Protein backbone atom coordinates (compact mmCIF):
# COMPACT_ATOMS: atom_id res chain seq x y z
CA UNK A 1 0.00 0.00 0.00
CA UNK A 2 1.30 3.43 -0.95
CA UNK A 3 1.21 6.00 1.82
CA UNK A 4 -0.51 9.35 1.24
CA UNK A 5 2.71 11.40 0.66
CA UNK A 6 3.97 8.82 -1.85
CA UNK A 7 0.62 8.81 -3.61
CA UNK A 8 0.64 12.60 -3.89
CA UNK A 9 4.19 12.58 -5.25
CA UNK A 10 3.27 9.97 -7.87
CA UNK A 11 0.27 12.02 -8.98
CA UNK A 12 2.38 15.18 -9.21
CA UNK A 13 5.00 13.48 -11.40
CA UNK A 14 2.26 12.26 -13.72
CA UNK A 15 0.63 15.69 -13.86
CA UNK A 16 3.57 18.01 -14.47
CA UNK A 17 4.68 16.66 -17.91
CA UNK A 18 1.15 17.05 -19.16
CA UNK A 19 0.95 20.54 -17.71
CA UNK A 20 4.24 21.53 -19.29
CA UNK A 21 3.19 20.21 -22.69
CA UNK A 22 0.02 22.29 -22.48
CA UNK A 23 1.94 25.57 -22.18
CA UNK A 24 1.68 27.96 -25.17
CA UNK A 25 4.43 27.36 -27.70
CA UNK A 26 5.21 23.83 -26.49
CA UNK A 27 2.21 21.94 -27.82
CA UNK A 28 3.01 18.69 -29.62
CA UNK A 29 0.76 18.53 -32.65
CA UNK A 30 0.38 15.74 -35.15
CA UNK A 31 0.95 16.15 -38.89
CA UNK A 32 2.39 19.36 -40.32
CA UNK A 33 2.04 21.11 -36.96
CA UNK A 34 5.24 20.05 -35.18
CA UNK A 35 6.79 21.51 -32.04
CA UNK A 36 6.30 25.26 -32.20
CA UNK A 37 9.49 27.16 -31.40
CA UNK A 38 9.41 29.79 -28.68
CA UNK A 39 12.73 31.64 -29.07
CA UNK A 40 13.56 34.13 -26.40
CA UNK A 41 16.37 36.10 -24.90
CA UNK A 42 18.49 38.71 -26.58
CA UNK A 43 19.84 39.01 -30.08
CA UNK A 44 23.48 37.95 -30.21
CA UNK A 45 24.36 38.50 -33.90
CA UNK A 46 25.04 36.09 -36.72
CA UNK A 47 28.70 35.50 -35.85
CA UNK A 48 27.66 33.74 -32.65
CA UNK A 49 26.05 31.07 -34.85
CA UNK A 50 29.37 30.28 -36.52
CA UNK A 51 30.69 28.12 -33.70
CA UNK A 52 28.17 25.41 -34.64
CA UNK A 53 27.04 26.37 -38.13
CA UNK A 54 30.37 27.42 -39.61
CA UNK A 55 29.71 26.24 -43.16
CA UNK A 56 26.37 28.07 -43.41
CA UNK A 57 27.76 31.31 -41.98
CA UNK A 58 30.81 31.22 -44.28
CA UNK A 59 28.56 30.87 -47.34
CA UNK A 60 26.06 33.47 -46.21
CA UNK A 61 27.88 36.36 -47.89
CA UNK A 62 26.69 34.96 -51.25
CA UNK A 63 23.11 34.87 -50.05
CA UNK A 64 20.77 37.75 -51.00
CA UNK A 65 19.70 37.92 -47.36
CA UNK A 66 23.24 39.03 -46.49
CA UNK A 67 22.31 42.57 -47.51
CA UNK A 68 20.43 42.81 -44.21
CA UNK A 69 23.84 42.47 -42.51
CA UNK A 70 26.01 44.66 -44.74
CA UNK A 71 23.51 47.52 -44.88
CA UNK A 72 23.78 48.08 -41.15
CA UNK A 73 20.36 49.74 -41.19
CA UNK A 74 18.08 46.85 -40.31
CA UNK A 75 16.90 46.15 -36.73
CA UNK A 76 18.22 42.98 -35.05
CA UNK A 77 15.00 41.06 -35.71
CA UNK A 78 15.56 41.54 -39.45
CA UNK A 79 19.31 40.98 -39.62
CA UNK A 80 21.17 37.84 -40.64
CA UNK A 81 20.39 34.48 -39.08
CA UNK A 82 18.21 35.88 -36.33
CA UNK A 83 16.07 37.73 -38.87
CA UNK A 84 14.49 34.38 -39.74
CA UNK A 85 15.30 32.11 -36.80
CA UNK A 86 14.64 34.53 -33.94
CA UNK A 87 16.95 35.59 -31.09
CA UNK A 88 19.67 33.05 -30.40
CA UNK A 89 20.65 33.69 -26.78
CA UNK A 90 18.56 30.89 -25.23
CA UNK A 91 19.48 28.55 -28.08
CA UNK A 92 23.18 28.99 -27.29
CA UNK A 93 22.82 28.88 -23.52
CA UNK A 94 20.76 25.67 -23.67
CA UNK A 95 23.20 24.01 -26.08
CA UNK A 96 20.67 23.92 -28.94
CA UNK A 97 17.75 22.57 -26.94
CA UNK A 98 14.60 21.90 -28.96
CA UNK A 99 12.16 24.77 -29.14
CA UNK A 100 14.68 27.52 -28.39
CA UNK A 101 15.04 28.63 -32.02
CA UNK A 102 12.73 28.77 -35.03
CA UNK A 103 13.49 25.57 -36.99
CA UNK A 104 11.53 25.71 -40.22
CA UNK A 105 11.07 21.93 -40.66
CA UNK A 106 9.39 21.84 -37.24
CA UNK A 107 6.93 24.71 -37.49
CA UNK A 108 3.57 24.89 -39.24
CA UNK A 109 3.05 25.98 -42.82
CA UNK A 110 1.33 29.13 -41.64
CA UNK A 111 4.26 30.05 -39.41
CA UNK A 112 6.67 29.60 -42.31
CA UNK A 113 4.60 31.96 -44.43
CA UNK A 114 4.32 34.52 -41.63
CA UNK A 115 8.08 34.48 -41.04
CA UNK A 116 8.95 35.06 -44.68
CA UNK A 117 6.29 37.72 -45.22
CA UNK A 118 7.70 39.68 -42.29
CA UNK A 119 10.13 41.11 -44.88
CA UNK A 120 8.71 39.94 -48.23
CA UNK A 121 5.24 41.46 -48.07
CA UNK A 122 5.89 44.88 -49.57
CA UNK A 123 5.95 44.03 -53.28
CA UNK A 124 2.86 43.69 -55.44
CA UNK A 125 4.23 40.48 -56.96
CA UNK A 126 3.56 38.73 -53.62
CA UNK A 127 0.42 40.63 -52.65
CA UNK A 128 -1.91 37.71 -53.39
CA UNK A 129 0.11 34.90 -51.87
CA UNK A 130 -2.24 34.27 -48.93
CA UNK A 131 -5.20 33.59 -51.21
CA UNK A 132 -3.27 31.85 -53.98
CA UNK A 133 -3.99 28.23 -54.84
CA UNK A 134 -0.49 27.30 -53.69
CA UNK A 135 -1.11 28.57 -50.18
CA UNK A 136 -4.61 27.07 -50.07
CA UNK A 137 -3.03 23.68 -50.84
CA UNK A 138 -0.33 24.17 -48.17
CA UNK A 139 2.50 24.88 -50.60
CA UNK A 140 4.53 27.59 -48.90
CA UNK A 141 7.90 29.27 -49.35
CA UNK A 142 10.15 26.42 -48.18
CA UNK A 143 8.52 23.98 -50.60
CA UNK A 144 10.08 25.85 -53.51
CA UNK A 145 12.93 27.88 -52.02
CA UNK A 146 16.07 26.66 -50.28
CA UNK A 147 17.66 29.49 -48.35
CA UNK A 148 21.03 27.90 -47.55
CA UNK A 149 21.40 25.27 -50.30
CA UNK A 150 19.84 26.82 -53.39
CA UNK A 151 20.23 25.05 -56.72
CA UNK A 152 19.97 28.26 -58.76
CA UNK A 153 21.85 31.56 -58.42
CA UNK A 154 18.62 33.54 -58.60
CA UNK A 155 15.50 33.33 -56.44
CA UNK A 156 17.09 30.70 -54.14
CA UNK A 157 15.12 27.87 -55.72
CA UNK A 158 15.48 24.37 -54.32
CA UNK A 159 15.68 22.98 -57.88
CA UNK A 160 15.83 24.45 -61.35
CA UNK A 161 12.58 26.23 -62.09
CA UNK A 162 11.28 23.83 -64.75
CA UNK A 163 12.04 20.77 -62.61
CA UNK A 164 10.48 22.42 -59.59
CA UNK A 165 7.19 23.35 -61.28
CA UNK A 166 6.71 20.18 -63.31
CA UNK A 167 7.43 18.06 -60.25
CA UNK A 168 3.87 18.88 -59.11
CA UNK A 169 2.23 19.87 -62.40
CA UNK A 170 2.66 16.56 -64.19
CA UNK A 171 -0.01 17.30 -66.80
CA UNK A 172 1.94 20.39 -67.89
CA UNK A 173 5.16 18.38 -68.10
CA UNK A 174 3.43 16.05 -70.54
CA UNK A 175 2.24 19.01 -72.64
CA UNK A 176 5.80 20.31 -72.94
CA UNK A 177 6.65 17.05 -74.69
CA UNK A 178 4.09 17.64 -77.44
CA UNK A 179 5.25 18.26 -81.05
CA UNK A 180 4.16 21.93 -80.95
CA UNK A 181 4.97 23.68 -77.68
CA UNK A 182 6.56 26.58 -75.89
CA UNK A 183 10.26 25.86 -75.49
CA UNK A 184 10.45 25.70 -71.72
CA UNK A 185 12.35 22.42 -71.49
CA UNK A 186 14.98 23.81 -73.85
CA UNK A 187 15.60 26.77 -71.56
CA UNK A 188 14.36 29.38 -74.01
CA UNK A 189 11.79 30.59 -71.49
CA UNK A 190 10.64 29.88 -67.94
CA UNK A 191 7.33 29.28 -66.24
CA UNK A 192 7.52 32.66 -64.51
CA UNK A 193 7.53 34.44 -67.88
CA UNK A 194 3.78 33.83 -67.89
CA UNK A 195 2.92 32.77 -64.33
CA UNK A 196 3.34 34.34 -60.92
CA UNK A 197 3.59 31.47 -58.41
CA UNK A 198 2.78 33.84 -55.53
CA UNK A 199 -0.71 34.58 -56.89
CA UNK A 200 -2.18 37.10 -59.30
CA UNK A 201 -4.85 39.74 -59.53
CA UNK A 202 -8.11 39.18 -61.37
CA UNK A 203 -7.27 39.10 -65.11
CA UNK A 204 -8.90 41.43 -67.61
CA UNK A 205 -9.55 38.83 -70.30
CA UNK A 206 -11.59 35.62 -70.61
CA UNK A 207 -14.60 37.42 -69.11
CA UNK A 208 -12.79 37.80 -65.80
CA UNK A 209 -12.12 34.09 -65.31
CA UNK A 210 -9.06 33.32 -63.22
CA UNK A 211 -6.46 31.21 -65.02
CA UNK A 212 -3.95 29.51 -62.77
CA UNK A 213 -1.48 32.15 -61.60
CA UNK A 214 -1.35 33.76 -65.05
CA UNK A 215 0.22 37.18 -64.76
CA UNK A 216 -1.14 40.33 -66.37
CA UNK A 217 1.21 41.92 -68.88
CA UNK A 218 1.49 45.61 -69.69
CA UNK A 219 -1.84 47.38 -70.14
CA UNK A 220 -3.48 44.49 -68.22
CA UNK A 221 -3.20 42.16 -71.20
CA UNK A 222 -2.34 38.50 -71.39
CA UNK A 223 1.31 37.60 -70.87
CA UNK A 224 1.34 36.24 -74.42
CA UNK A 225 1.69 39.83 -75.62
CA UNK A 226 5.11 40.13 -74.00
CA UNK A 227 6.52 38.00 -76.83
CA UNK A 228 3.80 38.13 -79.50
CA UNK A 229 3.66 41.92 -79.63
CA UNK A 230 2.44 41.95 -83.25
CA UNK A 231 -0.88 40.53 -82.02
CA UNK A 232 -1.40 43.34 -79.50
CA UNK A 233 -3.14 45.98 -81.59
CA UNK A 234 -5.22 48.03 -81.18
CA UNK A 235 -6.74 47.21 -84.55
CA UNK A 236 -9.40 49.06 -86.49
CA UNK A 237 -11.15 45.74 -87.08
CA UNK A 238 -10.73 43.47 -84.10
CA UNK A 239 -11.45 39.77 -83.90
CA UNK A 240 -13.72 39.58 -80.86
CA UNK A 241 -12.36 36.33 -79.34
CA UNK A 242 -8.86 37.78 -79.23
CA UNK A 243 -9.96 40.75 -77.16
CA UNK A 244 -12.71 39.13 -75.06
CA UNK A 245 -11.98 35.42 -74.65
CA UNK A 246 -8.21 35.61 -74.99
CA UNK A 247 -5.62 33.47 -76.70
CA UNK A 248 -6.75 30.26 -75.03
CA UNK A 249 -9.99 30.36 -76.99
CA UNK A 250 -8.00 28.96 -79.92
CA UNK A 251 -4.58 27.93 -78.56
CA UNK A 252 -3.31 25.48 -75.95
CA UNK A 253 -0.70 27.54 -74.09
CA UNK A 254 1.76 24.82 -73.02
CA UNK A 255 1.77 22.42 -75.96
CA UNK A 256 -0.41 20.63 -78.44
CA UNK A 257 -0.38 17.91 -81.07
CA UNK A 258 -1.79 20.45 -83.51
CA UNK A 259 0.11 22.99 -85.57
CA UNK A 260 0.42 26.46 -83.98
CA UNK A 261 -0.75 24.88 -80.72
CA UNK A 262 -4.38 25.05 -81.85
CA UNK A 263 -7.13 23.34 -79.90
CA UNK A 264 -8.36 21.60 -83.09
CA UNK A 265 -6.35 19.63 -85.68
CA UNK A 266 -7.94 21.36 -88.70
CA UNK A 267 -8.37 25.13 -88.90
CA UNK A 268 -11.94 25.23 -90.20
CA UNK A 269 -13.20 22.97 -87.39
CA UNK A 270 -11.88 25.53 -84.94
CA UNK A 271 -13.49 28.45 -86.77
CA UNK A 272 -16.82 26.65 -87.01
CA UNK A 273 -17.07 26.53 -83.22
CA UNK A 274 -18.22 30.16 -83.49
CA UNK A 275 -18.96 30.66 -87.18
CA UNK A 276 -21.77 28.12 -87.26
CA UNK A 277 -24.85 30.27 -87.74
CA UNK A 278 -26.17 29.43 -84.27
CA UNK A 279 -27.86 32.03 -82.12
CA UNK A 280 -26.41 33.94 -79.19
CA UNK A 281 -23.25 34.77 -81.15
CA UNK A 282 -22.29 37.77 -83.20
CA UNK A 283 -22.92 41.49 -82.86
CA UNK A 284 -26.71 41.16 -83.04
CA UNK A 285 -26.90 37.87 -81.14
CA UNK A 286 -28.28 36.13 -84.22
CA UNK A 287 -25.26 33.97 -84.94
CA UNK A 288 -21.98 34.36 -86.80
CA UNK A 289 -22.77 33.44 -90.36
CA UNK A 290 -20.65 31.08 -92.41
CA UNK A 291 -22.20 32.09 -95.76
CA UNK A 292 -21.68 35.73 -96.63
CA UNK A 293 -21.36 37.08 -100.18
CA UNK A 294 -19.98 33.79 -101.44
CA UNK A 295 -20.74 30.22 -100.38
CA UNK A 296 -18.10 28.35 -98.38
CA UNK A 297 -18.20 24.65 -99.18
CA UNK A 298 -16.56 23.10 -96.14
CA UNK A 299 -16.23 19.78 -97.96
CA UNK A 300 -13.79 21.39 -100.40
CA UNK A 301 -10.11 21.59 -99.36
CA UNK A 302 -10.08 25.10 -100.82
CA UNK A 303 -12.12 26.42 -97.89
CA UNK A 304 -10.79 24.17 -95.14
CA UNK A 305 -7.88 26.41 -94.26
CA UNK A 306 -9.64 29.66 -93.39
CA UNK A 307 -6.40 31.59 -92.86
CA UNK A 308 -5.46 31.19 -96.54
CA UNK A 309 -7.82 34.11 -97.16
CA UNK A 310 -8.38 35.59 -93.69
CA UNK A 311 -4.68 36.12 -93.12
CA UNK A 312 -4.98 38.81 -90.41
CA UNK A 313 -7.10 36.63 -88.16
CA UNK A 314 -5.95 38.36 -84.95
CA UNK A 315 -7.03 41.77 -86.22
CA UNK A 316 -6.69 44.07 -89.21
CA UNK A 317 -6.34 47.76 -89.87
CA UNK A 318 -7.54 47.50 -93.47
CA UNK A 319 -10.30 44.90 -93.91
CA UNK A 320 -13.43 43.99 -91.98
CA UNK A 321 -13.06 40.28 -92.76
CA UNK A 322 -9.34 40.17 -91.97
CA UNK A 323 -8.29 39.57 -95.61
CA UNK A 324 -5.23 41.80 -95.16
C-alpha cells in the first residue's frame, strides 16, 4: 500500500509533464504542426552562430539575405540568421535545446509563411500569396525555395525552375513534350515568364475568369503579348475572341499535337465553333454566319484552311473580314 505522501508525489509526477506540454508554444501537434518554437532572450548576432554552423555562416555572404547584414540599417529582428530564426541567446545557452530557435522543418506551414512575409510582403508580386492556390493547398515558401542550399543563383530555388514546377504539375510536363509547344524544357523561357507562383490579380480577359497564376502583362493584357507583340493591336477591325476570350480560346498555351498549338487539328473545325450560324453569337446575337457574299463549301479543301484568305485573323487595320 502506498502512503498518502507517496501517492501525492506519484500524482504530481504524472501531472507536471502534461501541464508543461500544455503551455503555449510547447504543444506537440500531429501532422504538419510540429513543435512550435518559442525563441527568447536577446539578439546575439550572426557571428555567434558560426561556432556550430560554420559552413552556413561562411557561405552566407553569397546569399541575397546578407544585404540585411552589410547595410547596417536593419533592426536585429531583421538581420542575418536571427532575422528568420529569432533571437539566439537561449538557443546557445541551452546548447541547442529543442524549441529555443525557429526551426523551419518543425513549425507549421502558416508560421513559415508569416516568417517570410515579415520582410517579403511589400511588393505587389507577392500581394496575393495568402489567397493563392499554392497557399490554399499548403504549398509555402520552403517547398520551392532553399535558403542555404539553393540550386539556382537567382530566387534561391530548391531545384531548377522547370524541374520544380513540373514536379507537381505533371499534366503540364506532358504538354511540354508535345510536337508543338513553348520551349520551356529547352531553356528558351521559364514558367515565370507567364505565371506568378505567388498569386495574381483578377485578369482582364476571358470574361474575368481566373487562369492559374497567369500574370497580367502591360496594359493588363495576357502575358502572351510580351513575346507576341504583333498581335497586340489596337486594330481598327478586331477579332472579338482575341480581345474578349483571350488566346486560349484557340490555342493550348503549353503544348499541343496540332500545328500552332491550336485546340483543333484542322483550322476550319476551330473556326466553325463560333462561325456556325447558331444564335447567341455575333454582334446582333443572331449567330456568326458562315455564308456571306460567297458560299463556303466546307467539304472542299479550298475552304478548309480559313487563314489562306483571312490572313490577319488576330485583327486588321484594313479589312473587316481580316483579308489583309
